C-alpha atoms as a PDB file:
ATOM      1  CA  MET A   1     114.824 100.148 117.453  1.00  0.00           C
ATOM      2  CA  ILE A   2     111.536 101.145 115.871  1.00  0.00           C
ATOM      3  CA  VAL A   3     109.582 103.968 117.530  1.00  0.00           C
ATOM      4  CA  ILE A   4     105.797 103.738 117.217  1.00  0.00           C
ATOM      5  CA  LYS A   5     103.192 106.106 118.585  1.00  0.00           C
ATOM      6  CA  TYR A   6      99.512 105.335 118.957  1.00  0.00           C
ATOM      7  CA  PRO A   7      97.737 104.219 116.862  1.00  0.00           C
ATOM      8  CA  LEU A   8      99.605 101.230 115.407  1.00  0.00           C
ATOM      9  CA  SER A   9      98.448 101.054 111.797  1.00  0.00           C
ATOM     10  CA  TRP A  10      97.925  97.734 110.057  1.00  0.00           C
ATOM     11  CA  ASN A  11     100.459  98.739 107.406  1.00  0.00           C
ATOM     12  CA  ILE A  12     103.167  99.195 110.040  1.00  0.00           C
ATOM     13  CA  ALA A  13     102.031  96.094 111.958  1.00  0.00           C
ATOM     14  CA  LYS A  14     102.372  93.907 108.853  1.00  0.00           C
ATOM     15  CA  ARG A  15     105.921  95.154 108.225  1.00  0.00           C
ATOM     16  CA  LEU A  16     107.177  94.203 111.673  1.00  0.00           C
ATOM     17  CA  LYS A  17     109.135  90.976 111.782  1.00  0.00           C
ATOM     18  CA  LYS A  18     110.301  88.551 114.430  1.00  0.00           C
ATOM     19  CA  GLY A  19     113.124  90.017 116.490  1.00  0.00           C
ATOM     20  CA  ASP A  20     112.217  93.683 115.884  1.00  0.00           C
ATOM     21  CA  ILE A  21     112.458  95.838 119.001  1.00  0.00           C
ATOM     22  CA  VAL A  22     109.712  98.445 119.252  1.00  0.00           C
ATOM     23  CA  LYS A  23     109.440 101.419 121.575  1.00  0.00           C
ATOM     24  CA  TYR A  24     105.701 102.088 121.819  1.00  0.00           C
ATOM     25  CA  SER A  25     103.910 105.083 123.314  1.00  0.00           C
ATOM     26  CA  GLY A  26     100.138 105.220 123.526  1.00  0.00           C
ATOM     27  CA  LYS A  27      97.141 103.141 124.429  1.00  0.00           C
ATOM     28  CA  ILE A  28      97.134  99.404 125.101  1.00  0.00           C
ATOM     29  CA  VAL A  29      93.798  97.707 125.802  1.00  0.00           C
ATOM     30  CA  PHE A  30      93.697  94.860 128.330  1.00  0.00           C
ATOM     31  CA  VAL A  31      91.157  92.189 127.377  1.00  0.00           C
ATOM     32  CA  SER A  32      90.604  89.000 129.378  1.00  0.00           C
ATOM     33  CA  LYS A  33      88.846  85.809 128.303  1.00  0.00           C
ATOM     34  CA  LYS A  34      85.988  86.611 130.694  1.00  0.00           C
ATOM     35  CA  ALA A  35      85.536  90.085 129.229  1.00  0.00           C
ATOM     36  CA  LEU A  36      85.691  88.767 125.661  1.00  0.00           C
ATOM     37  CA  TYR A  37      83.045  86.162 126.520  1.00  0.00           C
ATOM     38  CA  ARG A  38      80.755  88.916 127.803  1.00  0.00           C
ATOM     39  CA  MET A  39      81.407  91.059 124.745  1.00  0.00           C
ATOM     40  CA  GLU A  40      80.531  88.165 122.434  1.00  0.00           C
ATOM     41  CA  ASN A  41      77.282  87.515 124.334  1.00  0.00           C
ATOM     42  CA  TYR A  42      76.415  91.222 124.097  1.00  0.00           C
ATOM     43  CA  MET A  43      77.082  91.081 120.360  1.00  0.00           C
ATOM     44  CA  LYS A  44      74.688  88.151 119.960  1.00  0.00           C
ATOM     45  CA  LEU A  45      71.949  90.045 121.799  1.00  0.00           C
ATOM     46  CA  GLU A  46      72.473  93.614 120.585  1.00  0.00           C
ATOM     47  CA  GLY A  47      74.166  93.216 117.200  1.00  0.00           C
ATOM     48  CA  LYS A  48      77.306  95.202 118.075  1.00  0.00           C
ATOM     49  CA  TYR A  49      80.225  94.984 120.447  1.00  0.00           C
ATOM     50  CA  PRO A  50      80.171  97.197 123.541  1.00  0.00           C
ATOM     51  CA  TYR A  51      83.883  98.008 123.109  1.00  0.00           C
ATOM     52  CA  ASP A  52      85.748  98.200 119.808  1.00  0.00           C
ATOM     53  CA  VAL A  53      89.271  96.738 119.648  1.00  0.00           C
ATOM     54  CA  MET A  54      89.604  97.495 115.917  1.00  0.00           C
ATOM     55  CA  GLY A  55      93.068  98.916 115.331  1.00  0.00           C
ATOM     56  CA  GLU A  56      94.098  98.604 118.986  1.00  0.00           C
ATOM     57  CA  VAL A  57      97.140  97.001 120.578  1.00  0.00           C
ATOM     58  CA  VAL A  58      95.683  94.455 123.006  1.00  0.00           C
ATOM     59  CA  PHE A  59      97.375  93.126 126.153  1.00  0.00           C
ATOM     60  CA  VAL A  60      96.522  89.565 127.217  1.00  0.00           C
ATOM     61  CA  LYS A  61      97.368  87.237 130.080  1.00  0.00           C
ATOM     62  CA  ASP A  62      96.158  84.176 128.163  1.00  0.00           C
ATOM     63  CA  ASN A  63      97.511  83.196 124.784  1.00  0.00           C
ATOM     64  CA  SER A  64      95.358  80.275 123.739  1.00  0.00           C
ATOM     65  CA  PRO A  65      95.028  80.235 119.948  1.00  0.00           C
ATOM     66  CA  LEU A  66      91.218  80.551 119.988  1.00  0.00           C
ATOM     67  CA  PHE A  67      91.377  83.599 122.265  1.00  0.00           C
ATOM     68  CA  LEU A  68      94.028  85.308 120.134  1.00  0.00           C
ATOM     69  CA  GLU A  69      92.175  84.420 116.945  1.00  0.00           C
ATOM     70  CA  SER A  70      89.045  86.133 118.306  1.00  0.00           C
ATOM     71  CA  LEU A  71      91.040  89.292 119.062  1.00  0.00           C
ATOM     72  CA  TYR A  72      92.644  89.328 115.614  1.00  0.00           C
ATOM     73  CA  LYS A  73      89.245  88.773 113.970  1.00  0.00           C
ATOM     74  CA  LEU A  74      87.890  91.735 115.944  1.00  0.00           C
ATOM     75  CA  GLY A  75      90.615  93.820 114.291  1.00  0.00           C
ATOM     76  CA  ALA A  76      93.383  94.122 116.888  1.00  0.00           C
ATOM     77  CA  SER A  77      96.501  95.558 115.220  1.00  0.00           C
ATOM     78  CA  GLY A  78      98.755  93.612 117.558  1.00  0.00           C
ATOM     79  CA  VAL A  79      98.751  91.607 120.765  1.00  0.00           C
ATOM     80  CA  VAL A  80     101.083  92.046 123.748  1.00  0.00           C
ATOM     81  CA  LYS A  81     101.991  89.283 126.189  1.00  0.00           C
ATOM     82  CA  GLU A  82     104.313  89.142 129.168  1.00  0.00           C
ATOM     83  CA  ARG A  83     107.634  87.385 128.662  1.00  0.00           C
ATOM     84  CA  ASP A  84     106.861  84.490 131.025  1.00  0.00           C
ATOM     85  CA  LEU A  85     103.740  83.463 129.069  1.00  0.00           C
ATOM     86  CA  GLU A  86     104.808  80.636 126.744  1.00  0.00           C
ATOM     87  CA  ILE A  87     103.416  80.238 123.233  1.00  0.00           C
ATOM     88  CA  GLY A  88     102.996  77.068 121.216  1.00  0.00           C
ATOM     89  CA  GLU A  89     103.236  76.136 117.567  1.00  0.00           C
ATOM     90  CA  ASN A  90      99.491  76.702 116.970  1.00  0.00           C
ATOM     91  CA  THR A  91      99.856  80.277 118.223  1.00  0.00           C
ATOM     92  CA  ARG A  92     102.842  80.876 115.936  1.00  0.00           C
ATOM     93  CA  MET A  93     100.854  79.612 112.923  1.00  0.00           C
ATOM     94  CA  LEU A  94      97.971  81.918 113.905  1.00  0.00           C
ATOM     95  CA  ILE A  95     100.304  84.924 113.994  1.00  0.00           C
ATOM     96  CA  GLU A  96     101.572  84.103 110.510  1.00  0.00           C
ATOM     97  CA  ARG A  97      98.024  83.631 109.200  1.00  0.00           C
ATOM     98  CA  PHE A  98      96.801  87.018 110.404  1.00  0.00           C
ATOM     99  CA  GLN A  99     100.083  88.831 109.640  1.00  0.00           C
ATOM    100  CA  ARG A 100      99.857  90.870 112.813  1.00  0.00           C
ATOM    101  CA  PRO A 101     102.528  91.026 115.475  1.00  0.00           C
ATOM    102  CA  LEU A 102     102.659  89.336 118.833  1.00  0.00           C
ATOM    103  CA  PHE A 103     104.753  91.484 121.138  1.00  0.00           C
ATOM    104  CA  GLU A 104     106.548  90.337 124.257  1.00  0.00           C
ATOM    105  CA  VAL A 105     107.268  92.608 127.222  1.00  0.00           C
ATOM    106  CA  ASN A 106     108.686  92.239 130.703  1.00  0.00           C
ATOM    107  CA  LYS A 107     105.743  94.091 132.223  1.00  0.00           C
ATOM    108  CA  VAL A 108     103.058  96.543 131.149  1.00  0.00           C
ATOM    109  CA  GLU A 109     102.838  99.507 133.463  1.00  0.00           C
ATOM    110  CA  GLY A 110     101.069 102.774 132.982  1.00  0.00           C
ATOM    111  CA  GLN A 111      98.003 104.791 133.821  1.00  0.00           C
ATOM    112  CA  GLU A 112      94.988 102.435 133.814  1.00  0.00           C
ATOM    113  CA  LEU A 113      91.396 103.363 133.129  1.00  0.00           C
ATOM    114  CA  VAL A 114      88.630 100.756 133.508  1.00  0.00           C
ATOM    115  CA  LYS A 115      86.382 101.006 130.455  1.00  0.00           C
ATOM    116  CA  LEU A 116      83.985  98.053 130.721  1.00  0.00           C
ATOM    117  CA  TYR A 117      82.885  95.349 133.182  1.00  0.00           C
ATOM    118  CA  PRO A 118      84.316  96.771 136.434  1.00  0.00           C
ATOM    119  CA  ASP A 119      82.626  93.906 138.305  1.00  0.00           C
ATOM    120  CA  LEU A 120      85.220  91.574 136.758  1.00  0.00           C
ATOM    121  CA  ASN A 121      87.898  93.391 138.819  1.00  0.00           C
ATOM    122  CA  GLU A 122      91.278  92.330 137.372  1.00  0.00           C
ATOM    123  CA  ASP A 123      89.551  90.923 134.276  1.00  0.00           C
ATOM    124  CA  ALA A 124      87.755  94.175 133.401  1.00  0.00           C
ATOM    125  CA  ILE A 125      88.513  95.824 130.067  1.00  0.00           C
ATOM    126  CA  LYS A 126      91.085  98.533 130.745  1.00  0.00           C
ATOM    127  CA  GLU A 127      92.961 101.086 128.735  1.00  0.00           C
ATOM    128  CA  ILE A 128      96.586 101.393 129.801  1.00  0.00           C
ATOM    129  CA  TRP A 129      98.536 104.422 128.617  1.00  0.00           C
ATOM    130  CA  VAL A 130     102.262 103.735 128.273  1.00  0.00           C
ATOM    131  CA  ASP A 131     105.260 105.831 127.353  1.00  0.00           C
ATOM    132  CA  SER A 132     108.223 104.302 125.502  1.00  0.00           C
ATOM    133  CA  LEU A 133     107.317 100.703 126.375  1.00  0.00           C
ATOM    134  CA  GLU A 134     109.977  98.430 124.927  1.00  0.00           C
ATOM    135  CA  MET A 135     108.492  95.384 123.195  1.00  0.00           C
ATOM    136  CA  GLU A 136     109.972  92.600 121.087  1.00  0.00           C
ATOM    137  CA  VAL A 137     108.158  91.059 118.135  1.00  0.00           C
ATOM    138  CA  ILE A 138     108.173  87.286 118.543  1.00  0.00           C
END
């Protein structure tokens, strides 16, 4: 088991390999497709993103390759998905291309803090603070 505390550096992220079990403590940022769409529109208008995911571990409930690619391009160190969310071959190729881990968990639980777009309710950008969350690199 590999113990990692926030922040997850890119050097560590690149060394993780499929099957590694990680015990992570720190911040995870929840980003939905709706929130990412708003952030990209803001970027087009204002020239910067309203929330920076550079170097963050990002939790998603959608794993479409285009969505994940956007998060990796924004600098996410890793992406977390729940175990019941299936991934396809295109997603696996994307993970290899960016050399950043995709983690799988049973459930993400912790203290949540809404950071952006509260009107999106469950799709708002949230920071979730976890302690010793067990994740598997897939």
